[in-house]
Every structure is written in C-alpha cells, then in structure tokens.
C-alpha cells in the first residue's frame, strides 16, 4: 500500500510539473504572438514623432486619441468602415448560401458529368486571381460595375473552396432523412431549406468566419475596381494614407487597429464554433 501511495504521489507530482511547464510555454508563446498587436495599439495612440524613437516608448505618456478622431472626422473612415462591414457581410451571407447549394448538389444528387464537373471546380483553385483580373475588369467595365461594391463581391461568390467545404458536410447527411422528407411531400428546395440547412450550422460558422476574414482583408481586387473615396474599403483606404512626401504612420497604426478589432472580436466570440466546424469537417466525407 505504501509503495502504491508513493507511486501515485510521484505520478501526481510529475503531472503537476508537466502542467506548470506547459502553462509557462503557452504563456510565453501567447506573449510573443500578442506583442505585435500591443505595439500596434500603443503606436496608434502616439504622436508620429514617438513611433520610431530609440529607445522605444512602450506606453506613451500622453494618449493621442485625436488620431482616431482625425480618421473619422477628416478622413471619412466612418463611411469606409461601413463599406467594409457591408461588403464583407453581404459577401459572406450570399457565398454561404450559394456554396451550400453547390455542395449539397455535388454530395447528394446524381447527374451526368458530375465527377468531371467537380474536378473542374477544384481545378479552378489552381488559377491565380491575378490571371483573371484583366478579363474581369473588361467585363465589369462593360457591365458598368467599376467603382461599385457589387463589382468587388461578384467575382468570388460561388468559390471552389466553399463548395468543396460544404460538400464534405453534406455527404454526412443520412440519405434516409432526405428520403423521409420527400415522402412527406417536401419539394427539393423546401427540403434544402428546412432539413439540410439546419444541419449545417457548424459548417456555416466555420466557413462564414473564413469568408468574412478573407473579404475583410481583400486588397488587390478592390484597389483595381474601386475609384471614389466614399466607396473604398479599409484595406484600400489604409494604403491610400501613404504619401510620397509624408506618411502619417500614427494614422496608419490607428486605422490598422480599426481594421483588426472586428476580426479579433469575431474570432473570440465564435472560436468554439470555428474549432467545432473545422474538426467536424476534417472527419466527414
């Protein structure tokens, strides 16, 4: 009994040591990962002359909140932020709906050329966006979508990654459940709306966050398609703050904080759904 008690005590001490060591390692890694955000937040509240001084000023003595005031009052960042929110939200909602339709069709319907068509969908992932920008610009110019928010949203709505992602989830839905709904008189769209969609909540959460972050940070296509200041997105507007003679780094830092905070809040609020959706999707299909 004494030997067993000693072994249990030694085992518990070892586990406690491993837990403490793991906590220390994770704390150090977290500090390293959070340091760039701390520096960004600190620099956003500094005067431009304080950002690059040596030794660095970690926490400014005077917090320059007027940096954010200048962005919203003089640089129209209120409208620009709203543009990014509207564009990213619209893109995410519409893309989730279209990709779920495509994924469900590839997962549960049989039709001629299905496999070949799906291969073409996946093959489109290998085409870089830069290769399609010139023909897209010519087409959108003819459609009068230059300097229009829909000109930014339309090109990537039913994207191959989203269709593949949703297909993996839809393949796990029991065929018996779908057949039962059809026997009860559900039309195909009613079946999709009332039976399929409620079972894709985890997939919607995971893919929705990925799509929102992607569109929120999208820079290359918006900078090509958008012209007027009132239609700019945050990513483009931050780049537009640069000037050949004078670059207001304090305003760029403040604008970057505005750009990062919504993404940080979304990930923190929906992190459980994101992890659940990604892990479930990795074992389905």
C-alpha atoms as a PDB file:
ATOM      1  CA  UNK A   1       0.000   0.000   0.000  1.00  0.00           C
ATOM      2  CA  UNK A   2       2.813   2.397   0.876  1.00  0.00           C
ATOM      3  CA  UNK A   3       4.564   1.617  -2.426  1.00  0.00           C
ATOM      4  CA  UNK A   4       1.344   2.272  -4.354  1.00  0.00           C
ATOM      5  CA  UNK A   5       0.778   5.544  -2.490  1.00  0.00           C
ATOM      6  CA  UNK A   6       4.331   6.664  -3.277  1.00  0.00           C
ATOM      7  CA  UNK A   7       3.860   5.830  -6.957  1.00  0.00           C
ATOM      8  CA  UNK A   8       0.590   7.789  -7.086  1.00  0.00           C
ATOM      9  CA  UNK A   9       2.229  10.741  -5.330  1.00  0.00           C
ATOM     10  CA  UNK A  10       5.168  10.654  -7.762  1.00  0.00           C
ATOM     11  CA  UNK A  11       2.770  10.402 -10.695  1.00  0.00           C
ATOM     12  CA  UNK A  12       0.699  13.364  -9.467  1.00  0.00           C
ATOM     13  CA  UNK A  13       3.832  15.477  -8.919  1.00  0.00           C
ATOM     14  CA  UNK A  14       5.006  14.642 -12.432  1.00  0.00           C
ATOM     15  CA  UNK A  15       1.650  15.621 -13.897  1.00  0.00           C
ATOM     16  CA  UNK A  16       1.660  18.884 -11.954  1.00  0.00           C
ATOM     17  CA  UNK A  17       5.182  19.675 -13.178  1.00  0.00           C
ATOM     18  CA  UNK A  18       4.185  18.945 -16.784  1.00  0.00           C
ATOM     19  CA  UNK A  19       1.076  21.106 -16.434  1.00  0.00           C
ATOM     20  CA  UNK A  20       3.082  24.018 -14.986  1.00  0.00           C
ATOM     21  CA  UNK A  21       5.738  23.667 -17.698  1.00  0.00           C
ATOM     22  CA  UNK A  22       3.062  23.609 -20.412  1.00  0.00           C
ATOM     23  CA  UNK A  23       1.388  26.676 -18.902  1.00  0.00           C
ATOM     24  CA  UNK A  24       4.697  28.578 -18.909  1.00  0.00           C
ATOM     25  CA  UNK A  25       5.414  27.608 -22.510  1.00  0.00           C
ATOM     26  CA  UNK A  26       1.918  28.639 -23.633  1.00  0.00           C
ATOM     27  CA  UNK A  27       2.186  31.917 -21.718  1.00  0.00           C
ATOM     28  CA  UNK A  28       5.487  32.742 -23.440  1.00  0.00           C
ATOM     29  CA  UNK A  29       4.100  31.811 -26.868  1.00  0.00           C
ATOM     30  CA  UNK A  30       0.963  33.888 -26.235  1.00  0.00           C
ATOM     31  CA  UNK A  31       3.052  36.891 -25.194  1.00  0.00           C
ATOM     32  CA  UNK A  32       5.146  36.608 -28.355  1.00  0.00           C
ATOM     33  CA  UNK A  33       2.024  36.334 -30.510  1.00  0.00           C
ATOM     34  CA  UNK A  34       0.289  39.274 -28.802  1.00  0.00           C
ATOM     35  CA  UNK A  35       3.304  41.600 -28.861  1.00  0.00           C
ATOM     36  CA  UNK A  36       2.688  42.884 -32.446  1.00  0.00           C
ATOM     37  CA  UNK A  37      -0.902  43.782 -31.522  1.00  0.00           C
ATOM     38  CA  UNK A  38       0.308  45.535 -28.348  1.00  0.00           C
ATOM     39  CA  UNK A  39       2.821  47.544 -30.393  1.00  0.00           C
ATOM     40  CA  UNK A  40       0.146  48.396 -32.955  1.00  0.00           C
ATOM     41  CA  UNK A  41      -2.269  49.579 -30.250  1.00  0.00           C
ATOM     42  CA  UNK A  42       0.455  51.545 -28.468  1.00  0.00           C
ATOM     43  CA  UNK A  43       1.648  53.223 -31.688  1.00  0.00           C
ATOM     44  CA  UNK A  44      -1.918  54.176 -32.629  1.00  0.00           C
ATOM     45  CA  UNK A  45      -2.036  56.402 -29.528  1.00  0.00           C
ATOM     46  CA  UNK A  46       1.344  58.091 -30.109  1.00  0.00           C
ATOM     47  CA  UNK A  47       2.387  61.197 -31.956  1.00  0.00           C
ATOM     48  CA  UNK A  48       4.135  60.375 -35.220  1.00  0.00           C
ATOM     49  CA  UNK A  49       7.467  61.547 -33.754  1.00  0.00           C
ATOM     50  CA  UNK A  50       7.234  58.973 -30.916  1.00  0.00           C
ATOM     51  CA  UNK A  51       6.794  55.843 -33.046  1.00  0.00           C
ATOM     52  CA  UNK A  52      10.376  55.324 -34.243  1.00  0.00           C
ATOM     53  CA  UNK A  53      12.375  56.785 -31.348  1.00  0.00           C
ATOM     54  CA  UNK A  54      15.226  54.794 -29.796  1.00  0.00           C
ATOM     55  CA  UNK A  55      14.893  53.508 -27.117  1.00  0.00           C
ATOM     56  CA  UNK A  56      11.254  52.770 -27.951  1.00  0.00           C
ATOM     57  CA  UNK A  57       8.378  54.208 -25.957  1.00  0.00           C
ATOM     58  CA  UNK A  58       6.231  51.230 -24.990  1.00  0.00           C
ATOM     59  CA  UNK A  59       3.384  53.184 -23.387  1.00  0.00           C
ATOM     60  CA  UNK A  60       3.052  56.860 -24.359  1.00  0.00           C
ATOM     61  CA  UNK A  61       2.759  59.401 -21.543  1.00  0.00           C
ATOM     62  CA  UNK A  62       0.029  61.247 -23.441  1.00  0.00           C
ATOM     63  CA  UNK A  63      -2.582  59.160 -25.230  1.00  0.00           C
ATOM     64  CA  UNK A  64      -3.359  60.789 -28.577  1.00  0.00           C
ATOM     65  CA  UNK A  65      -6.990  59.773 -29.053  1.00  0.00           C
ATOM     66  CA  UNK A  66      -7.237  62.523 -31.640  1.00  0.00           C
ATOM     67  CA  UNK A  67      -5.576  60.098 -34.095  1.00  0.00           C
ATOM     68  CA  UNK A  68      -8.855  58.187 -34.270  1.00  0.00           C
ATOM     69  CA  UNK A  69     -10.824  61.422 -34.313  1.00  0.00           C
ATOM     70  CA  UNK A  70      -8.913  62.631 -37.352  1.00  0.00           C
ATOM     71  CA  UNK A  71      -9.617  59.379 -39.168  1.00  0.00           C
ATOM     72  CA  UNK A  72     -13.368  59.548 -38.605  1.00  0.00           C
ATOM     73  CA  UNK A  73     -13.895  63.302 -38.822  1.00  0.00           C
ATOM     74  CA  UNK A  74     -11.414  64.330 -41.529  1.00  0.00           C
ATOM     75  CA  UNK A  75     -10.597  61.127 -43.448  1.00  0.00           C
ATOM     76  CA  UNK A  76     -14.142  59.667 -43.772  1.00  0.00           C
ATOM     77  CA  UNK A  77     -13.197  56.383 -42.075  1.00  0.00           C
ATOM     78  CA  UNK A  78     -16.713  56.048 -40.678  1.00  0.00           C
ATOM     79  CA  UNK A  79     -18.125  55.546 -44.192  1.00  0.00           C
ATOM     80  CA  UNK A  80     -15.112  53.447 -45.189  1.00  0.00           C
ATOM     81  CA  UNK A  81     -15.546  51.139 -42.190  1.00  0.00           C
ATOM     82  CA  UNK A  82     -19.238  50.780 -43.007  1.00  0.00           C
ATOM     83  CA  UNK A  83     -18.293  49.884 -46.592  1.00  0.00           C
ATOM     84  CA  UNK A  84     -16.068  47.061 -45.339  1.00  0.00           C
ATOM     85  CA  UNK A  85     -18.730  45.789 -42.930  1.00  0.00           C
ATOM     86  CA  UNK A  86     -21.458  45.866 -45.587  1.00  0.00           C
ATOM     87  CA  UNK A  87     -19.278  44.315 -48.280  1.00  0.00           C
ATOM     88  CA  UNK A  88     -17.878  41.532 -46.079  1.00  0.00           C
ATOM     89  CA  UNK A  89     -21.258  40.688 -44.526  1.00  0.00           C
ATOM     90  CA  UNK A  90     -23.088  40.607 -47.869  1.00  0.00           C
ATOM     91  CA  UNK A  91     -20.333  38.539 -49.459  1.00  0.00           C
ATOM     92  CA  UNK A  92     -20.329  36.059 -46.569  1.00  0.00           C
ATOM     93  CA  UNK A  93     -24.106  35.558 -46.461  1.00  0.00           C
ATOM     94  CA  UNK A  94     -24.566  35.179 -50.227  1.00  0.00           C
ATOM     95  CA  UNK A  95     -21.499  32.953 -50.600  1.00  0.00           C
ATOM     96  CA  UNK A  96     -22.614  30.658 -47.784  1.00  0.00           C
ATOM     97  CA  UNK A  97     -25.983  30.192 -49.465  1.00  0.00           C
ATOM     98  CA  UNK A  98     -24.564  29.546 -52.948  1.00  0.00           C
ATOM     99  CA  UNK A  99     -21.771  27.277 -51.731  1.00  0.00           C
ATOM    100  CA  UNK A 100     -24.190  25.253 -49.620  1.00  0.00           C
ATOM    101  CA  UNK A 101     -26.401  24.788 -52.700  1.00  0.00           C
ATOM    102  CA  UNK A 102     -23.432  23.671 -54.784  1.00  0.00           C
ATOM    103  CA  UNK A 103     -22.006  21.435 -52.061  1.00  0.00           C
ATOM    104  CA  UNK A 104     -25.388  19.784 -51.473  1.00  0.00           C
ATOM    105  CA  UNK A 105     -25.871  19.147 -55.193  1.00  0.00           C
ATOM    106  CA  UNK A 106     -22.436  17.531 -55.567  1.00  0.00           C
ATOM    107  CA  UNK A 107     -22.936  15.475 -52.407  1.00  0.00           C
ATOM    108  CA  UNK A 108     -26.491  14.144 -52.801  1.00  0.00           C
ATOM    109  CA  UNK A 109     -27.552  14.324 -56.457  1.00  0.00           C
ATOM    110  CA  UNK A 110     -26.505  12.071 -59.311  1.00  0.00           C
ATOM    111  CA  UNK A 111     -26.267  13.605 -62.786  1.00  0.00           C
ATOM    112  CA  UNK A 112     -24.260  13.091 -65.943  1.00  0.00           C
ATOM    113  CA  UNK A 113     -20.771  14.558 -65.822  1.00  0.00           C
ATOM    114  CA  UNK A 114     -20.888  15.121 -62.060  1.00  0.00           C
ATOM    115  CA  UNK A 115     -17.341  13.930 -61.351  1.00  0.00           C
ATOM    116  CA  UNK A 116     -15.839  15.768 -64.320  1.00  0.00           C
ATOM    117  CA  UNK A 117     -17.622  18.984 -63.337  1.00  0.00           C
ATOM    118  CA  UNK A 118     -16.413  18.651 -59.751  1.00  0.00           C
ATOM    119  CA  UNK A 119     -12.835  18.165 -60.982  1.00  0.00           C
ATOM    120  CA  UNK A 120     -13.165  21.396 -62.984  1.00  0.00           C
ATOM    121  CA  UNK A 121     -14.463  23.181 -59.879  1.00  0.00           C
ATOM    122  CA  UNK A 122     -11.449  22.031 -57.861  1.00  0.00           C
ATOM    123  CA  UNK A 123      -9.082  22.796 -60.734  1.00  0.00           C
ATOM    124  CA  UNK A 124     -10.205  26.431 -60.610  1.00  0.00           C
ATOM    125  CA  UNK A 125      -8.370  26.682 -57.278  1.00  0.00           C
ATOM    126  CA  UNK A 126      -5.101  26.446 -59.201  1.00  0.00           C
ATOM    127  CA  UNK A 127      -5.874  29.551 -61.278  1.00  0.00           C
ATOM    128  CA  UNK A 128      -4.362  32.633 -59.573  1.00  0.00           C
ATOM    129  CA  UNK A 129      -6.668  35.616 -59.196  1.00  0.00           C
ATOM    130  CA  UNK A 130      -4.088  37.819 -60.905  1.00  0.00           C
ATOM    131  CA  UNK A 131      -4.565  35.838 -64.139  1.00  0.00           C
ATOM    132  CA  UNK A 132      -8.273  36.685 -64.275  1.00  0.00           C
ATOM    133  CA  UNK A 133      -8.110  40.335 -63.288  1.00  0.00           C
ATOM    134  CA  UNK A 134      -7.739  41.832 -66.791  1.00  0.00           C
ATOM    135  CA  UNK A 135     -10.653  39.939 -68.429  1.00  0.00           C
ATOM    136  CA  UNK A 136     -12.799  40.520 -65.329  1.00  0.00           C
ATOM    137  CA  UNK A 137     -12.055  44.241 -65.442  1.00  0.00           C
ATOM    138  CA  UNK A 138     -13.025  44.422 -69.128  1.00  0.00           C
ATOM    139  CA  UNK A 139     -16.293  42.546 -68.462  1.00  0.00           C
ATOM    140  CA  UNK A 140     -17.164  44.660 -65.417  1.00  0.00           C
ATOM    141  CA  UNK A 141     -16.447  47.850 -67.308  1.00  0.00           C
ATOM    142  CA  UNK A 142     -18.992  46.805 -69.957  1.00  0.00           C
ATOM    143  CA  UNK A 143     -21.471  45.973 -67.172  1.00  0.00           C
ATOM    144  CA  UNK A 144     -20.876  49.391 -65.528  1.00  0.00           C
ATOM    145  CA  UNK A 145     -19.698  47.792 -62.286  1.00  0.00           C
ATOM    146  CA  UNK A 146     -16.479  49.791 -61.933  1.00  0.00           C
ATOM    147  CA  UNK A 147     -16.430  51.732 -58.634  1.00  0.00           C
ATOM    148  CA  UNK A 148     -19.364  49.637 -57.421  1.00  0.00           C
ATOM    149  CA  UNK A 149     -19.490  47.459 -54.319  1.00  0.00           C
ATOM    150  CA  UNK A 150     -21.046  44.618 -56.339  1.00  0.00           C
ATOM    151  CA  UNK A 151     -18.019  44.693 -58.581  1.00  0.00           C
ATOM    152  CA  UNK A 152     -15.989  43.583 -55.573  1.00  0.00           C
ATOM    153  CA  UNK A 153     -18.482  40.984 -54.342  1.00  0.00           C
ATOM    154  CA  UNK A 154     -19.452  39.129 -57.533  1.00  0.00           C
ATOM    155  CA  UNK A 155     -16.191  37.522 -58.780  1.00  0.00           C
ATOM    156  CA  UNK A 156     -15.708  35.108 -55.881  1.00  0.00           C
ATOM    157  CA  UNK A 157     -19.250  34.352 -54.717  1.00  0.00           C
ATOM    158  CA  UNK A 158     -19.618  30.641 -55.555  1.00  0.00           C
ATOM    159  CA  UNK A 159     -15.952  29.841 -54.968  1.00  0.00           C
ATOM    160  CA  UNK A 160     -14.478  26.366 -55.279  1.00  0.00           C
ATOM    161  CA  UNK A 161     -13.184  26.177 -51.719  1.00  0.00           C
ATOM    162  CA  UNK A 162     -16.605  26.938 -50.246  1.00  0.00           C
ATOM    163  CA  UNK A 163     -18.329  24.371 -52.490  1.00  0.00           C
ATOM    164  CA  UNK A 164     -15.801  21.693 -51.553  1.00  0.00           C
ATOM    165  CA  UNK A 165     -16.081  22.585 -47.860  1.00  0.00           C
ATOM    166  CA  UNK A 166     -19.875  22.325 -47.857  1.00  0.00           C
ATOM    167  CA  UNK A 167     -19.825  19.141 -49.947  1.00  0.00           C
ATOM    168  CA  UNK A 168     -17.835  17.386 -47.229  1.00  0.00           C
ATOM    169  CA  UNK A 169     -20.516  18.215 -44.674  1.00  0.00           C
ATOM    170  CA  UNK A 170     -23.464  17.398 -46.906  1.00  0.00           C
ATOM    171  CA  UNK A 171     -22.064  13.938 -47.661  1.00  0.00           C
ATOM    172  CA  UNK A 172     -22.519  13.039 -43.990  1.00  0.00           C
ATOM    173  CA  UNK A 173     -26.268  13.774 -44.028  1.00  0.00           C
ATOM    174  CA  UNK A 174     -28.252  10.495 -43.914  1.00  0.00           C
ATOM    175  CA  UNK A 175     -29.995   9.680 -47.185  1.00  0.00           C
ATOM    176  CA  UNK A 176     -32.849   8.157 -45.170  1.00  0.00           C
ATOM    177  CA  UNK A 177     -33.605  11.549 -43.597  1.00  0.00           C
ATOM    178  CA  UNK A 178     -33.804  13.195 -47.016  1.00  0.00           C
ATOM    179  CA  UNK A 179     -35.973  10.444 -48.449  1.00  0.00           C
ATOM    180  CA  UNK A 180     -38.338  10.684 -45.475  1.00  0.00           C
ATOM    181  CA  UNK A 181     -38.752  14.398 -46.112  1.00  0.00           C
ATOM    182  CA  UNK A 182     -39.516  13.738 -49.798  1.00  0.00           C
ATOM    183  CA  UNK A 183     -42.117  11.119 -48.855  1.00  0.00           C
ATOM    184  CA  UNK A 184     -43.748  13.687 -46.560  1.00  0.00           C
ATOM    185  CA  UNK A 185     -44.227  15.921 -49.594  1.00  0.00           C
ATOM    186  CA  UNK A 186     -41.277  18.322 -49.329  1.00  0.00           C
ATOM    187  CA  UNK A 187     -40.156  19.910 -52.576  1.00  0.00           C
ATOM    188  CA  UNK A 188     -36.420  19.873 -53.225  1.00  0.00           C
ATOM    189  CA  UNK A 189     -35.931  23.495 -52.214  1.00  0.00           C
ATOM    190  CA  UNK A 190     -38.139  23.114 -49.131  1.00  0.00           C
ATOM    191  CA  UNK A 191     -36.120  20.028 -48.174  1.00  0.00           C
ATOM    192  CA  UNK A 192     -32.914  22.023 -48.579  1.00  0.00           C
ATOM    193  CA  UNK A 193     -34.250  24.969 -46.565  1.00  0.00           C
ATOM    194  CA  UNK A 194     -35.940  23.091 -43.706  1.00  0.00           C
ATOM    195  CA  UNK A 195     -33.881  19.886 -43.427  1.00  0.00           C
ATOM    196  CA  UNK A 196     -30.420  20.431 -44.875  1.00  0.00           C
ATOM    197  CA  UNK A 197     -29.635  23.988 -43.750  1.00  0.00           C
ATOM    198  CA  UNK A 198     -30.393  23.408 -40.027  1.00  0.00           C
ATOM    199  CA  UNK A 199     -27.885  20.541 -40.057  1.00  0.00           C
ATOM    200  CA  UNK A 200     -25.101  22.733 -41.460  1.00  0.00           C
ATOM    201  CA  UNK A 201     -24.769  25.207 -38.585  1.00  0.00           C
ATOM    202  CA  UNK A 202     -21.220  24.163 -37.683  1.00  0.00           C
ATOM    203  CA  UNK A 203     -20.167  24.351 -41.318  1.00  0.00           C
ATOM    204  CA  UNK A 204     -21.755  27.799 -41.695  1.00  0.00           C
ATOM    205  CA  UNK A 205     -19.948  29.077 -38.598  1.00  0.00           C
ATOM    206  CA  UNK A 206     -16.520  27.840 -39.687  1.00  0.00           C
ATOM    207  CA  UNK A 207     -16.803  28.764 -43.361  1.00  0.00           C
ATOM    208  CA  UNK A 208     -18.523  32.061 -42.552  1.00  0.00           C
ATOM    209  CA  UNK A 209     -15.614  33.249 -40.415  1.00  0.00           C
ATOM    210  CA  UNK A 210     -13.109  32.209 -43.088  1.00  0.00           C
ATOM    211  CA  UNK A 211     -15.050  34.037 -45.823  1.00  0.00           C
ATOM    212  CA  UNK A 212     -15.609  37.172 -43.726  1.00  0.00           C
ATOM    213  CA  UNK A 213     -11.917  37.469 -42.831  1.00  0.00           C
ATOM    214  CA  UNK A 214     -10.924  36.835 -46.454  1.00  0.00           C
ATOM    215  CA  UNK A 215     -13.181  39.563 -47.818  1.00  0.00           C
ATOM    216  CA  UNK A 216     -12.395  41.982 -44.975  1.00  0.00           C
ATOM    217  CA  UNK A 217      -8.679  41.762 -45.784  1.00  0.00           C
ATOM    218  CA  UNK A 218      -9.163  41.698 -49.569  1.00  0.00           C
ATOM    219  CA  UNK A 219      -6.949  44.344 -51.145  1.00  0.00           C
ATOM    220  CA  UNK A 220      -5.836  43.641 -54.713  1.00  0.00           C
ATOM    221  CA  UNK A 221      -9.215  43.439 -56.487  1.00  0.00           C
ATOM    222  CA  UNK A 222     -10.856  46.332 -54.555  1.00  0.00           C
ATOM    223  CA  UNK A 223      -7.889  48.593 -55.314  1.00  0.00           C
ATOM    224  CA  UNK A 224      -8.366  47.821 -59.019  1.00  0.00           C
ATOM    225  CA  UNK A 225     -12.146  48.151 -59.171  1.00  0.00           C
ATOM    226  CA  UNK A 226     -12.898  50.974 -56.708  1.00  0.00           C
ATOM    227  CA  UNK A 227     -12.282  54.617 -57.565  1.00  0.00           C
ATOM    228  CA  UNK A 228     -14.148  57.139 -55.408  1.00  0.00           C
ATOM    229  CA  UNK A 229     -13.215  57.772 -51.804  1.00  0.00           C
ATOM    230  CA  UNK A 230     -16.709  57.090 -50.478  1.00  0.00           C
ATOM    231  CA  UNK A 231     -16.604  53.544 -51.896  1.00  0.00           C
ATOM    232  CA  UNK A 232     -13.198  52.498 -50.557  1.00  0.00           C
ATOM    233  CA  UNK A 233     -12.729  49.608 -48.134  1.00  0.00           C
ATOM    234  CA  UNK A 234     -10.492  49.719 -45.071  1.00  0.00           C
ATOM    235  CA  UNK A 235      -7.652  47.767 -46.661  1.00  0.00           C
ATOM    236  CA  UNK A 236      -7.526  50.159 -49.632  1.00  0.00           C
ATOM    237  CA  UNK A 237      -8.018  53.283 -47.508  1.00  0.00           C
ATOM    238  CA  UNK A 238      -5.101  52.370 -45.210  1.00  0.00           C
ATOM    239  CA  UNK A 239      -2.829  52.059 -48.233  1.00  0.00           C
ATOM    240  CA  UNK A 240      -4.181  55.364 -49.557  1.00  0.00           C
ATOM    241  CA  UNK A 241      -2.958  57.125 -46.393  1.00  0.00           C
ATOM    242  CA  UNK A 242       0.611  56.777 -47.637  1.00  0.00           C
ATOM    243  CA  UNK A 243       2.075  59.779 -49.400  1.00  0.00           C
ATOM    244  CA  UNK A 244       5.275  60.237 -51.373  1.00  0.00           C
ATOM    245  CA  UNK A 245       6.297  63.244 -49.265  1.00  0.00           C
ATOM    246  CA  UNK A 246       4.817  62.443 -45.858  1.00  0.00           C
ATOM    247  CA  UNK A 247       3.450  59.199 -44.419  1.00  0.00           C
ATOM    248  CA  UNK A 248       1.257  59.622 -41.303  1.00  0.00           C
ATOM    249  CA  UNK A 249       2.305  56.446 -39.523  1.00  0.00           C
ATOM    250  CA  UNK A 250       0.277  57.338 -36.437  1.00  0.00           C
ATOM    251  CA  UNK A 251      -2.889  57.415 -38.575  1.00  0.00           C
ATOM    252  CA  UNK A 252      -1.918  54.191 -40.346  1.00  0.00           C
ATOM    253  CA  UNK A 253      -1.482  52.498 -36.966  1.00  0.00           C
ATOM    254  CA  UNK A 254      -4.849  53.809 -35.752  1.00  0.00           C
ATOM    255  CA  UNK A 255      -6.565  52.697 -38.966  1.00  0.00           C
ATOM    256  CA  UNK A 256      -4.936  49.261 -38.614  1.00  0.00           C
ATOM    257  CA  UNK A 257      -6.402  48.948 -35.122  1.00  0.00           C
ATOM    258  CA  UNK A 258      -9.838  49.749 -36.539  1.00  0.00           C
ATOM    259  CA  UNK A 259      -9.261  47.062 -39.166  1.00  0.00           C
ATOM    260  CA  UNK A 260      -8.042  44.390 -36.741  1.00  0.00           C
ATOM    261  CA  UNK A 261     -10.525  44.801 -33.874  1.00  0.00           C
ATOM    262  CA  UNK A 262     -13.665  43.445 -35.643  1.00  0.00           C
ATOM    263  CA  UNK A 263     -11.770  40.331 -36.736  1.00  0.00           C
ATOM    264  CA  UNK A 264     -10.404  39.809 -33.250  1.00  0.00           C
ATOM    265  CA  UNK A 265     -13.872  40.145 -31.712  1.00  0.00           C
ATOM    266  CA  UNK A 266     -15.415  37.731 -34.234  1.00  0.00           C
ATOM    267  CA  UNK A 267     -12.760  35.075 -33.645  1.00  0.00           C
ATOM    268  CA  UNK A 268     -13.007  35.407 -29.853  1.00  0.00           C
ATOM    269  CA  UNK A 269     -16.811  35.231 -29.853  1.00  0.00           C
ATOM    270  CA  UNK A 270     -17.112  32.382 -32.359  1.00  0.00           C
ATOM    271  CA  UNK A 271     -13.927  30.443 -31.602  1.00  0.00           C
ATOM    272  CA  UNK A 272     -15.823  27.392 -30.306  1.00  0.00           C
ATOM    273  CA  UNK A 273     -17.979  27.224 -33.418  1.00  0.00           C
ATOM    274  CA  UNK A 274     -14.920  27.719 -35.625  1.00  0.00           C
ATOM    275  CA  UNK A 275     -12.954  24.913 -33.972  1.00  0.00           C
ATOM    276  CA  UNK A 276     -16.016  22.649 -33.919  1.00  0.00           C
ATOM    277  CA  UNK A 277     -16.741  23.276 -37.580  1.00  0.00           C
ATOM    278  CA  UNK A 278     -13.176  22.673 -38.721  1.00  0.00           C
ATOM    279  CA  UNK A 279     -12.710  19.498 -36.655  1.00  0.00           C
ATOM    280  CA  UNK A 280     -16.064  18.057 -37.719  1.00  0.00           C
ATOM    281  CA  UNK A 281     -15.323  18.808 -41.337  1.00  0.00           C
ATOM    282  CA  UNK A 282     -11.945  17.084 -41.139  1.00  0.00           C
ATOM    283  CA  UNK A 283     -13.545  13.710 -40.368  1.00  0.00           C
ATOM    284  CA  UNK A 284     -16.684  13.923 -42.507  1.00  0.00           C
ATOM    285  CA  UNK A 285     -16.997  12.611 -46.032  1.00  0.00           C
END
